[in-house]
Amino acid sequence: MRSTGVTKISATSITVLQSLSAPDGTTRYVNQVVEGAPDAVTMRFFSWRTALLGHYDIFHVHWPELLIRAPRPLKARLRRGALYALLLRARLQRIPIVRTAHNLTPHEAGHDAETRALDALDAHTALVIRLNPTTPVEPESRAVTILHGHYRDRFSGMRRPDTVPGRILYFGLIRPYKGVETLLQVFQALPSLDLSLRIVGRPSSGLGEIITTEAARDARISSALRFVSDDELVVEVGEAELVVLPYREMHNSGVLLVTLSLDRPALVPSTPSNRALADEVGADWIYLYEGELTPEILRDTLERTRAACSHPQPRLSGRDWKTLGLQSYRTYLQALQLTGRTVRDVRSIR
């Protein structure tokens, strides 16, 4: 990328359409993205009307399958048609598409028509933002690495409680691939009365009933099966001696970044991205396990956390959202240049 092109484009503001709903003041990813954006970026938020008829310079896609999924087949078919229309508009008007690769693949597989639509979107994508350096992108020339941000600033000033000895915590959305049922079984295989398991988050697919049933059988298990406020979240994580995230698939995790931002250790599966993050944040914060989670792994990890040397905080430098916002802005400029857009083009289409 030639510096002369970037200099010309960077003199003007740009409008970015995010494929997400507007911020709601919580720890949702979109909230941090918007708060970290530089003044030169104006954010718009997704509706099909805006996507097809509105004015914007960049289309930034997150979790693309959510654009076209719907509970009814007819509605899903209409959304796929709208996506193809959007891709045609982007090509004709030279609106670059930037996609953040939150996952390697959708957590819940779709059917063939959905896969074809997502493949078409990928083919029209100018640049792919990966949230960690282990994400494969083909071709590599499309890849830009912008790390997932921390939440220290977000939680600054909120009350943090004392740790509850023996408290094990799972928190976040409760979905089938996240292994909560496995955690329940593993925990119940540990008979110690000094341990407790807390599960916090909004469940899907009947998992709430399973958790409630197991909690009725074991008084050491408790739950808050709903979306909790940031203040409540800080208390729940602060009370945990260990956060356990037994995901069957784990590539990027905002929940893990929340845990580290609140200076709590976490037990997670050994994946390339988790190993890279463990190396980055330093010893005694991320504990990795291979294969299936077992009672022995959980017990041994608790013992290791208690024997660990005290480190003030995980290393999360370079993950503040202002820094990441500036990196995203530069990525938008690069995407504009890849389409051959000029300052005049940007201004005229707005």
Protein backbone atom coordinates (compact mmCIF):
# COMPACT_ATOMS: atom_id res chain seq x y z
CA MET A 1 0.00 0.00 0.00
CA ARG A 2 1.56 3.32 -1.04
CA SER A 3 1.63 5.99 1.62
CA THR A 4 0.50 8.69 -0.79
CA GLY A 5 -2.86 6.96 -1.30
CA VAL A 6 -3.49 6.62 2.41
CA THR A 7 -2.61 10.25 3.05
CA LYS A 8 -5.20 11.48 0.56
CA ILE A 9 -8.00 9.30 1.87
CA SER A 10 -7.20 9.86 5.55
CA ALA A 11 -7.86 13.60 5.17
CA THR A 12 -11.60 12.88 4.98
CA SER A 13 -14.09 11.21 7.28
CA ILE A 14 -15.62 7.86 6.40
CA THR A 15 -18.92 6.23 7.26
CA VAL A 16 -18.92 2.56 8.25
CA LEU A 17 -22.00 0.36 8.30
CA GLN A 18 -21.58 -2.29 10.98
CA SER A 19 -23.55 -5.53 10.54
CA LEU A 20 -24.57 -5.21 14.20
CA SER A 21 -27.32 -3.52 16.15
CA ALA A 22 -26.62 -0.22 17.91
CA PRO A 23 -24.69 -0.17 21.21
CA ASP A 24 -26.65 -0.65 24.43
CA GLY A 25 -24.02 0.46 26.94
CA THR A 26 -22.87 -3.04 27.96
CA THR A 27 -19.80 -5.14 27.25
CA ARG A 28 -21.13 -6.28 23.87
CA TYR A 29 -18.42 -6.20 21.20
CA VAL A 30 -20.14 -3.42 19.26
CA ASN A 31 -20.10 -1.12 22.29
CA GLN A 32 -16.34 -1.29 22.55
CA VAL A 33 -15.83 -0.94 18.79
CA VAL A 34 -17.86 2.26 18.72
CA GLU A 35 -16.28 3.74 21.83
CA GLY A 36 -12.80 3.10 20.45
CA ALA A 37 -13.41 4.51 16.96
CA PRO A 38 -11.56 7.74 16.06
CA ASP A 39 -13.51 10.91 15.30
CA ALA A 40 -12.95 10.43 11.57
CA VAL A 41 -15.24 7.37 11.59
CA THR A 42 -19.03 7.69 11.65
CA MET A 43 -20.76 4.45 12.57
CA ARG A 44 -24.10 3.29 11.24
CA PHE A 45 -25.87 0.16 12.41
CA PHE A 46 -27.53 -2.59 10.48
CA SER A 47 -30.94 -2.80 8.94
CA TRP A 48 -31.61 -4.21 5.51
CA ARG A 49 -33.04 -0.88 4.43
CA THR A 50 -29.82 0.91 5.38
CA ALA A 51 -27.68 -1.79 3.80
CA LEU A 52 -29.52 -1.65 0.48
CA LEU A 53 -30.45 2.05 0.27
CA GLY A 54 -28.40 3.94 2.86
CA HIS A 55 -25.18 5.88 2.45
CA TYR A 56 -21.92 4.45 3.74
CA ASP A 57 -18.35 3.94 2.55
CA ILE A 58 -17.46 0.61 4.17
CA PHE A 59 -19.52 -2.43 5.12
CA HIS A 60 -18.00 -4.14 8.18
CA VAL A 61 -19.34 -7.66 8.73
CA HIS A 62 -19.35 -9.62 11.99
CA TRP A 63 -20.78 -13.15 12.33
CA PRO A 64 -22.09 -13.10 8.72
CA GLU A 65 -24.40 -16.09 9.20
CA LEU A 66 -26.55 -13.96 11.52
CA LEU A 67 -27.42 -11.68 8.59
CA ILE A 68 -29.29 -14.41 6.76
CA ARG A 69 -30.58 -16.79 9.42
CA ALA A 70 -34.24 -16.68 10.38
CA PRO A 71 -36.66 -19.00 12.19
CA ARG A 72 -38.87 -19.38 9.11
CA PRO A 73 -37.53 -20.75 5.79
CA LEU A 74 -39.25 -18.05 3.70
CA LYS A 75 -37.71 -15.25 5.72
CA ALA A 76 -34.29 -16.88 5.50
CA ARG A 77 -34.69 -17.15 1.71
CA LEU A 78 -35.60 -13.47 1.48
CA ARG A 79 -32.57 -12.53 3.55
CA ARG A 80 -30.29 -14.53 1.28
CA GLY A 81 -31.75 -12.71 -1.69
CA ALA A 82 -31.18 -9.39 0.06
CA LEU A 83 -27.56 -10.35 0.70
CA TYR A 84 -26.98 -11.06 -3.00
CA ALA A 85 -28.51 -7.66 -3.80
CA LEU A 86 -26.21 -6.04 -1.25
CA LEU A 87 -23.17 -7.71 -2.81
CA LEU A 88 -24.24 -6.42 -6.24
CA ARG A 89 -24.57 -2.91 -4.86
CA ALA A 90 -21.16 -3.14 -3.20
CA ARG A 91 -19.54 -4.23 -6.46
CA LEU A 92 -21.21 -1.57 -8.61
CA GLN A 93 -20.55 1.28 -6.17
CA ARG A 94 -17.13 0.00 -5.08
CA ILE A 95 -18.10 -0.27 -1.43
CA PRO A 96 -15.44 -2.46 0.17
CA ILE A 97 -16.46 -5.20 2.57
CA VAL A 98 -14.33 -5.80 5.66
CA ARG A 99 -15.06 -8.87 7.80
CA THR A 100 -13.94 -9.64 11.32
CA ALA A 101 -13.29 -13.39 11.67
CA HIS A 102 -14.64 -14.04 15.16
CA ASN A 103 -14.82 -17.79 14.54
CA LEU A 104 -13.24 -20.23 12.11
CA THR A 105 -16.71 -21.46 11.11
CA PRO A 106 -20.25 -20.77 12.36
CA HIS A 107 -20.85 -22.54 15.67
CA GLU A 108 -24.10 -24.00 14.36
CA ALA A 109 -23.84 -25.34 10.83
CA GLY A 110 -26.21 -24.07 8.15
CA HIS A 111 -27.63 -25.69 5.02
CA ASP A 112 -26.21 -25.59 1.49
CA ALA A 113 -28.03 -22.41 0.40
CA GLU A 114 -26.66 -20.56 3.42
CA THR A 115 -23.15 -21.84 2.73
CA ARG A 116 -23.32 -20.63 -0.88
CA ALA A 117 -24.47 -17.18 0.24
CA LEU A 118 -21.67 -16.93 2.82
CA ASP A 119 -19.14 -18.08 0.23
CA ALA A 120 -20.33 -15.30 -2.07
CA LEU A 121 -19.89 -12.78 0.73
CA ASP A 122 -16.39 -14.08 1.39
CA ALA A 123 -15.50 -13.77 -2.30
CA HIS A 124 -16.51 -10.07 -2.21
CA THR A 125 -14.58 -9.36 1.02
CA ALA A 126 -11.61 -7.05 0.56
CA LEU A 127 -9.92 -7.57 3.92
CA VAL A 128 -10.36 -9.98 6.84
CA ILE A 129 -9.60 -8.78 10.36
CA ARG A 130 -8.37 -11.61 12.54
CA LEU A 131 -8.52 -11.20 16.30
CA ASN A 132 -5.46 -13.32 16.94
CA PRO A 133 -2.45 -14.24 14.80
CA THR A 134 -3.40 -17.93 14.57
CA THR A 135 -6.51 -17.38 12.41
CA PRO A 136 -5.88 -18.74 8.89
CA VAL A 137 -6.95 -16.41 6.08
CA GLU A 138 -6.78 -17.29 2.40
CA PRO A 139 -5.07 -15.61 0.69
CA GLU A 140 -2.82 -14.27 3.44
CA SER A 141 -2.66 -10.90 1.67
CA ARG A 142 -6.26 -10.26 2.78
CA ALA A 143 -5.41 -10.67 6.48
CA VAL A 144 -5.07 -7.84 8.98
CA THR A 145 -4.44 -8.73 12.65
CA ILE A 146 -6.22 -6.52 15.19
CA LEU A 147 -6.36 -8.11 18.63
CA HIS A 148 -9.53 -8.43 20.71
CA GLY A 149 -9.65 -5.60 23.22
CA HIS A 150 -9.62 -5.82 27.00
CA TYR A 151 -12.31 -4.51 29.35
CA ARG A 152 -10.25 -2.87 32.08
CA ASP A 153 -11.47 0.61 31.26
CA ARG A 154 -15.06 -0.61 31.08
CA PHE A 155 -14.90 -2.08 34.59
CA SER A 156 -12.86 0.70 36.14
CA GLY A 157 -14.47 1.97 39.33
CA MET A 158 -16.91 -0.93 39.74
CA ARG A 159 -16.92 -2.72 43.08
CA ARG A 160 -14.87 -5.91 43.16
CA PRO A 161 -15.65 -8.38 45.96
CA ASP A 162 -13.32 -10.71 47.77
CA THR A 163 -12.75 -14.12 46.21
CA VAL A 164 -14.93 -16.95 47.54
CA PRO A 165 -12.60 -19.91 48.24
CA GLY A 166 -13.46 -22.89 46.06
CA ARG A 167 -15.80 -20.93 43.78
CA ILE A 168 -15.73 -22.17 40.19
CA LEU A 169 -17.51 -20.00 37.63
CA TYR A 170 -18.84 -20.40 34.12
CA PHE A 171 -20.32 -17.25 32.60
CA GLY A 172 -21.49 -15.99 29.23
CA LEU A 173 -24.06 -17.20 26.74
CA ILE A 174 -24.86 -20.85 27.38
CA ARG A 175 -24.90 -22.69 24.07
CA PRO A 176 -24.45 -26.39 23.24
CA TYR A 177 -20.86 -26.09 21.97
CA LYS A 178 -19.68 -24.43 25.18
CA GLY A 179 -19.64 -27.63 27.21
CA VAL A 180 -21.66 -26.59 30.28
CA GLU A 181 -23.15 -30.07 30.61
CA THR A 182 -19.62 -31.51 30.74
CA LEU A 183 -18.67 -29.00 33.45
CA LEU A 184 -21.68 -30.04 35.53
CA GLN A 185 -20.72 -33.72 35.32
CA VAL A 186 -17.06 -33.05 36.08
CA PHE A 187 -17.86 -30.85 39.06
CA GLN A 188 -20.31 -33.36 40.54
CA ALA A 189 -17.58 -36.01 40.38
CA LEU A 190 -15.61 -33.95 42.91
CA PRO A 191 -17.21 -34.66 46.31
CA SER A 192 -15.52 -31.83 48.22
CA LEU A 193 -17.92 -29.66 50.20
CA ASP A 194 -15.41 -26.82 49.99
CA LEU A 195 -16.18 -26.30 46.29
CA SER A 196 -19.08 -24.49 44.64
CA LEU A 197 -20.08 -24.07 41.02
CA ARG A 198 -21.76 -20.92 39.77
CA ILE A 199 -23.25 -20.72 36.25
CA VAL A 200 -24.20 -17.28 34.97
CA GLY A 201 -25.67 -16.41 31.59
CA ARG A 202 -28.60 -16.76 29.25
CA PRO A 203 -29.17 -20.38 28.12
CA SER A 204 -30.39 -21.72 24.81
CA SER A 205 -31.66 -25.05 23.49
CA GLY A 206 -33.14 -26.34 26.75
CA LEU A 207 -29.87 -26.02 28.66
CA GLY A 208 -31.52 -23.91 31.34
CA GLU A 209 -33.71 -26.83 32.41
CA ILE A 210 -30.68 -29.14 32.60
CA ILE A 211 -28.78 -26.67 34.79
CA THR A 212 -31.77 -26.12 37.07
CA THR A 213 -32.27 -29.88 37.47
CA GLU A 214 -28.63 -30.49 38.37
CA ALA A 215 -28.62 -27.58 40.82
CA ALA A 216 -31.60 -29.16 42.61
CA ARG A 217 -29.60 -32.37 43.01
CA ASP A 218 -26.41 -30.71 44.26
CA ALA A 219 -26.65 -27.83 46.73
CA ARG A 220 -23.14 -26.69 45.76
CA ILE A 221 -24.41 -25.60 42.32
CA SER A 222 -26.19 -22.26 41.83
CA SER A 223 -27.05 -20.20 38.79
CA ALA A 224 -28.30 -16.91 37.38
CA LEU A 225 -29.76 -17.96 34.04
CA ARG A 226 -30.15 -14.54 32.48
CA PHE A 227 -28.18 -11.69 31.00
CA VAL A 228 -26.54 -9.84 33.90
CA SER A 229 -25.50 -6.21 34.12
CA ASP A 230 -21.85 -5.20 34.07
CA ASP A 231 -21.94 -4.46 37.81
CA GLU A 232 -23.31 -7.93 38.52
CA LEU A 233 -20.78 -9.47 36.16
CA VAL A 234 -17.86 -7.85 37.97
CA VAL A 235 -19.15 -9.28 41.26
CA GLU A 236 -19.65 -12.78 39.83
CA VAL A 237 -16.19 -12.91 38.25
CA GLY A 238 -14.55 -11.25 41.24
CA GLU A 239 -15.90 -13.94 43.59
CA ALA A 240 -14.54 -16.76 41.43
CA GLU A 241 -11.38 -18.55 42.41
CA LEU A 242 -11.28 -20.05 38.92
CA VAL A 243 -13.24 -19.41 35.71
CA VAL A 244 -13.77 -22.56 33.64
CA LEU A 245 -14.71 -22.38 29.95
CA PRO A 246 -14.92 -25.98 28.67
CA TYR A 247 -15.80 -25.07 25.08
CA ARG A 248 -15.72 -27.81 22.49
CA GLU A 249 -14.77 -25.11 19.97
CA MET A 250 -12.70 -22.13 21.08
CA HIS A 251 -10.94 -19.65 18.84
CA ASN A 252 -11.69 -16.14 20.12
CA SER A 253 -13.49 -15.46 23.38
CA GLY A 254 -14.68 -12.16 24.76
CA VAL A 255 -15.56 -14.04 27.96
CA LEU A 256 -11.91 -14.99 28.40
CA LEU A 257 -10.85 -11.36 27.87
CA VAL A 258 -13.40 -10.25 30.48
CA THR A 259 -11.94 -12.81 32.91
CA LEU A 260 -8.39 -11.57 32.36
CA SER A 261 -9.48 -7.93 32.53
CA LEU A 262 -10.78 -8.64 36.04
CA ASP A 263 -7.54 -10.41 37.02
CA ARG A 264 -9.02 -13.87 37.46
CA PRO A 265 -7.38 -17.11 36.24
CA ALA A 266 -9.12 -19.29 33.65
CA LEU A 267 -9.09 -22.95 32.65
CA VAL A 268 -9.64 -23.39 28.91
CA PRO A 269 -8.97 -26.02 26.22
CA SER A 270 -5.55 -25.99 24.60
CA THR A 271 -6.05 -24.45 21.16
CA PRO A 272 -3.60 -22.44 19.03
CA SER A 273 -5.30 -19.15 19.91
CA ASN A 274 -5.47 -19.94 23.65
CA ARG A 275 -1.81 -20.97 23.69
CA ALA A 276 -0.84 -17.71 22.00
CA LEU A 277 -2.88 -15.70 24.51
CA ALA A 278 -1.36 -17.63 27.43
CA ASP A 279 2.12 -16.73 26.19
CA GLU A 280 1.08 -13.10 25.85
CA VAL A 281 -0.52 -12.52 29.27
CA GLY A 282 2.14 -14.32 31.31
CA ALA A 283 2.23 -17.22 33.73
CA ASP A 284 -0.51 -18.22 36.17
CA TRP A 285 -3.46 -16.69 34.31
CA ILE A 286 -4.46 -19.17 31.61
CA TYR A 287 -4.41 -22.90 32.39
CA LEU A 288 -4.69 -25.21 29.39
CA TYR A 289 -5.95 -28.78 29.14
CA GLU A 290 -5.83 -31.32 26.32
CA GLY A 291 -8.77 -33.51 25.30
CA GLU A 292 -11.86 -33.69 27.48
CA LEU A 293 -12.19 -31.87 30.79
CA THR A 294 -11.97 -34.31 33.71
CA PRO A 295 -12.39 -34.09 37.50
CA GLU A 296 -8.64 -34.59 37.88
CA ILE A 297 -7.87 -31.65 35.57
CA LEU A 298 -10.26 -29.40 37.45
CA ARG A 299 -8.93 -30.40 40.88
CA ASP A 300 -5.29 -30.12 39.81
CA THR A 301 -5.86 -26.69 38.27
CA LEU A 302 -7.37 -25.38 41.48
CA GLU A 303 -4.32 -26.64 43.35
CA ARG A 304 -2.00 -24.97 40.83
CA THR A 305 -3.78 -21.62 41.10
CA ARG A 306 -3.43 -21.72 44.89
CA ALA A 307 0.28 -22.54 44.65
CA ALA A 308 1.00 -20.00 41.91
CA CYS A 309 3.24 -17.01 42.48
CA SER A 310 1.30 -13.79 42.73
CA HIS A 311 1.41 -11.60 39.60
CA PRO A 312 -0.33 -8.21 39.77
CA GLN A 313 -2.21 -8.43 36.46
CA PRO A 314 -2.21 -10.28 33.15
CA ARG A 315 -0.26 -8.47 30.44
CA LEU A 316 -2.85 -6.92 28.09
CA SER A 317 -0.91 -3.99 26.68
CA GLY A 318 -1.88 -2.93 23.17
CA ARG A 319 -5.42 -4.21 23.66
CA ASP A 320 -7.10 -0.93 24.62
CA TRP A 321 -9.99 -0.05 22.32
CA LYS A 322 -8.60 3.34 21.26
CA THR A 323 -5.51 1.67 19.84
CA LEU A 324 -7.63 -1.00 18.16
CA GLY A 325 -10.01 1.66 16.79
CA LEU A 326 -7.13 3.44 15.09
CA GLN A 327 -5.94 0.14 13.64
CA SER A 328 -9.47 -0.53 12.32
CA TYR A 329 -9.58 2.95 10.78
CA ARG A 330 -6.33 2.27 8.93
CA THR A 331 -7.78 -1.02 7.74
CA TYR A 332 -10.81 0.80 6.35
CA LEU A 333 -8.49 3.16 4.47
CA GLN A 334 -6.61 0.21 3.06
CA ALA A 335 -9.87 -1.42 1.93
CA LEU A 336 -10.92 1.80 0.20
CA GLN A 337 -7.62 1.95 -1.61
CA LEU A 338 -7.97 -1.68 -2.73
CA THR A 339 -11.21 -0.74 -4.51
CA GLY A 340 -9.52 2.21 -6.20
CA ARG A 341 -11.59 4.77 -4.29
CA THR A 342 -10.40 8.38 -3.96
CA VAL A 343 -11.36 11.17 -1.60
CA ARG A 344 -13.72 12.50 -4.23
CA ASP A 345 -15.35 9.09 -4.54
CA VAL A 346 -15.85 8.86 -0.80
CA ARG A 347 -17.42 12.30 -0.58
CA SER A 348 -19.66 11.91 -3.60
CA ILE A 349 -21.23 8.61 -2.50
CA ARG A 350 -22.02 9.87 1.01
